[in-house]
Amino acid sequence: MALVTIEKLNDAALAQVVRMKLDAEGIPVHLGSAGHASLFGAADGYSAIRIQVPETFEARARTIVSELMATLQTLQADDDAED
């Protein structure tokens, strides 16, 4: 089964949140990295963490990730407004 990259993130913690959400939804997920710099906190195009799922789950996974990101942005905006 071929894997499809549905998102690239430079934040390891956020990548783990996405992984946990997809896993909770029953979607097999793999976190891949184009480089090892992300292990040391570097954030650049070469160290992006790839969120990968089997191609049969691509559409559903993209929807879930999109909804999750929108929710996180709303929470961040609410938090910023309180400050």
Protein backbone atom coordinates (compact mmCIF):
# COMPACT_ATOMS: atom_id res chain seq x y z
CA MET A 1 0.00 0.00 0.00
CA ALA A 2 1.54 3.30 -1.11
CA LEU A 3 1.83 6.17 1.34
CA VAL A 4 0.72 9.69 0.43
CA THR A 5 2.04 12.83 2.15
CA ILE A 6 -0.96 14.88 3.25
CA GLU A 7 0.85 17.53 5.29
CA LYS A 8 4.36 18.76 6.08
CA LEU A 9 4.99 20.28 9.49
CA ASN A 10 8.04 21.85 11.08
CA ASP A 11 6.65 21.41 14.61
CA ALA A 12 7.31 17.94 16.05
CA ALA A 13 4.72 18.37 18.82
CA LEU A 14 2.04 19.38 16.31
CA ALA A 15 2.97 16.43 14.11
CA GLN A 16 2.39 14.14 17.10
CA VAL A 17 -1.02 15.73 17.75
CA VAL A 18 -1.97 15.12 14.11
CA ARG A 19 -0.69 11.54 14.34
CA MET A 20 -2.74 10.88 17.49
CA LYS A 21 -5.89 12.37 15.92
CA LEU A 22 -5.59 10.28 12.77
CA ASP A 23 -4.81 7.19 14.82
CA ALA A 24 -7.89 7.82 16.99
CA GLU A 25 -9.95 8.01 13.78
CA GLY A 26 -8.66 4.59 12.72
CA ILE A 27 -6.35 5.91 10.01
CA PRO A 28 -2.90 4.33 9.81
CA VAL A 29 -0.32 7.11 9.87
CA HIS A 30 3.42 7.37 9.41
CA LEU A 31 5.59 10.34 10.33
CA GLY A 32 8.45 10.69 7.91
CA SER A 33 11.22 13.24 7.82
CA ALA A 34 13.21 14.50 4.89
CA GLY A 35 16.12 15.19 7.23
CA HIS A 36 17.28 14.67 10.76
CA ALA A 37 17.58 18.34 11.68
CA SER A 38 14.05 18.23 13.11
CA LEU A 39 15.36 16.00 15.88
CA PHE A 40 17.48 18.91 17.03
CA GLY A 41 14.80 21.57 16.80
CA ALA A 42 15.79 23.02 13.44
CA ALA A 43 12.87 24.20 11.34
CA ASP A 44 13.44 24.41 7.63
CA GLY A 45 12.14 22.87 4.44
CA TYR A 46 14.63 20.03 4.69
CA SER A 47 13.55 18.95 8.15
CA ALA A 48 9.80 19.03 7.70
CA ILE A 49 7.95 16.10 9.19
CA ARG A 50 5.78 14.45 6.58
CA ILE A 51 2.37 13.19 7.69
CA GLN A 52 1.79 10.13 5.51
CA VAL A 53 -1.21 7.83 5.19
CA PRO A 54 -2.12 4.97 2.85
CA GLU A 55 -3.60 6.43 -0.34
CA THR A 56 -6.96 4.75 0.35
CA PHE A 57 -7.30 6.98 3.45
CA GLU A 58 -6.06 10.20 1.80
CA ALA A 59 -9.34 12.09 1.35
CA ARG A 60 -10.64 11.30 4.83
CA ALA A 61 -7.28 12.09 6.43
CA ARG A 62 -7.03 15.44 4.63
CA THR A 63 -10.50 16.39 5.89
CA ILE A 64 -9.66 15.41 9.47
CA VAL A 65 -6.34 17.28 9.43
CA SER A 66 -7.97 20.36 7.90
CA GLU A 67 -10.65 20.39 10.61
CA LEU A 68 -8.05 19.84 13.33
CA MET A 69 -5.88 22.71 12.08
CA ALA A 70 -8.90 25.04 11.91
CA THR A 71 -9.80 24.14 15.50
CA LEU A 72 -6.24 24.74 16.69
CA GLN A 73 -6.13 28.12 14.91
CA THR A 74 -9.40 29.13 16.55
CA LEU A 75 -8.10 28.12 19.97
CA GLN A 76 -4.87 30.07 19.36
CA ALA A 77 -6.83 33.16 18.26
CA ASP A 78 -9.03 32.92 21.34
CA ASP A 79 -5.96 32.58 23.55
CA ASP A 80 -4.30 35.57 21.87
CA ALA A 81 -7.47 37.65 22.35
CA GLU A 82 -7.41 36.93 26.09
CA ASP A 83 -3.87 38.29 26.41
